[in-house]
Each structure stands twice: as structure tokens, then as C-alpha cells.
Amino acid sequence: MVFGLSRRATVAAVVVALTVFGMTVGTVLLLATGRTNVGWFMFVLSFGAWMFAAVGGMLLVWDSGYLDR
């Protein structure tokens, strides 16, 4: 467990970190190289995965009752 998080929350945090990395790599490919199609594809795919993981993480926080404190 990372920072006392549950296994599901740790997985959500890792997925969000990986998607942010993917968006960064996609942006670099888009702006610094001639591979614009690959850059756009990586960015859009990573952004969609980030949205999915972020919503999943918010639902985990909501279900844990953390916001009720």
C-alpha cells in the first residue's frame, strides 16, 4: 500500500500517473517531432484513460466515506 491507501486506491493512483506520463509523451511527440499522428493518438488515448481513472478514484473516495468527515 502506498501512503496508507487501499489496494484499489493505489491502483487508481498508479493509473492516473501513467496516463499523465502518456499525455506528456504524446505532447512531446506532437510538438517536438514529425510524428504528429502518433502524438495525437497517444494524447487522446491517455486523456480518455485519465478521465476514466480520475472518475474511478473520485468514486472510491466517495464510497469510502472520507468526504463525510
Protein backbone atom coordinates (compact mmCIF):
# COMPACT_ATOMS: atom_id res chain seq x y z
CA MET A 1 0.00 0.00 0.00
CA VAL A 2 1.15 3.49 -0.84
CA PHE A 3 0.69 6.17 1.83
CA GLY A 4 -1.83 4.00 3.68
CA LEU A 5 -4.19 3.78 0.68
CA SER A 6 -6.25 0.71 -0.09
CA ARG A 7 -5.22 -1.55 -2.94
CA ARG A 8 -7.92 -0.12 -5.23
CA ALA A 9 -6.90 3.46 -4.45
CA THR A 10 -3.25 2.59 -5.10
CA VAL A 11 -4.16 1.11 -8.48
CA ALA A 12 -6.17 4.23 -9.34
CA ALA A 13 -3.24 6.48 -8.37
CA VAL A 14 -0.79 4.46 -10.47
CA VAL A 15 -3.12 4.51 -13.47
CA VAL A 16 -3.55 8.29 -13.20
CA ALA A 17 0.25 8.71 -13.00
CA LEU A 18 0.75 6.50 -16.08
CA THR A 19 -1.85 8.40 -18.07
CA VAL A 20 -0.26 11.75 -17.20
CA PHE A 21 3.05 10.29 -18.42
CA GLY A 22 1.33 9.18 -21.64
CA MET A 23 -0.13 12.63 -22.20
CA THR A 24 3.32 14.16 -21.69
CA VAL A 25 4.94 11.77 -24.17
CA GLY A 26 2.11 12.42 -26.64
CA THR A 27 2.61 16.16 -26.32
CA VAL A 28 6.36 15.82 -26.88
CA LEU A 29 5.76 13.66 -29.95
CA LEU A 30 3.23 16.17 -31.22
CA LEU A 31 5.28 19.31 -30.72
CA ALA A 32 8.93 18.25 -30.97
CA THR A 33 8.90 15.56 -33.65
CA GLY A 34 7.28 14.98 -37.00
CA ARG A 35 5.14 12.17 -35.62
CA THR A 36 2.01 14.25 -35.10
CA ASN A 37 -0.46 11.42 -35.76
CA VAL A 38 1.16 9.20 -33.12
CA GLY A 39 1.37 12.15 -30.73
CA TRP A 40 -2.33 12.98 -31.09
CA PHE A 41 -3.29 9.33 -30.73
CA MET A 42 -1.23 8.90 -27.55
CA PHE A 43 -2.51 12.13 -26.07
CA VAL A 44 -6.19 11.44 -26.76
CA LEU A 45 -5.94 7.81 -25.61
CA SER A 46 -4.11 8.81 -22.42
CA PHE A 47 -6.54 11.65 -21.74
CA GLY A 48 -9.51 9.29 -22.06
CA ALA A 49 -7.86 6.80 -19.72
CA TRP A 50 -7.05 9.63 -17.29
CA MET A 51 -10.68 10.74 -17.21
CA PHE A 52 -11.82 7.16 -16.59
CA ALA A 53 -9.24 6.66 -13.80
CA ALA A 54 -9.93 10.05 -12.21
CA VAL A 55 -13.67 9.40 -12.05
CA GLY A 56 -12.94 5.93 -10.63
CA GLY A 57 -10.70 7.49 -7.98
CA MET A 58 -13.35 10.03 -7.05
CA LEU A 59 -15.91 7.24 -6.69
CA LEU A 60 -13.52 5.34 -4.41
CA VAL A 61 -13.13 8.42 -2.19
CA TRP A 62 -16.89 8.96 -2.19
CA ASP A 63 -17.63 5.29 -1.33
CA SER A 64 -15.04 5.21 1.45
CA GLY A 65 -16.96 7.88 3.37
CA TYR A 66 -13.88 10.11 3.54
CA LEU A 67 -15.91 13.13 2.46
CA ASP A 68 -18.40 12.58 5.30
CA ARG A 69 -15.85 13.56 7.94
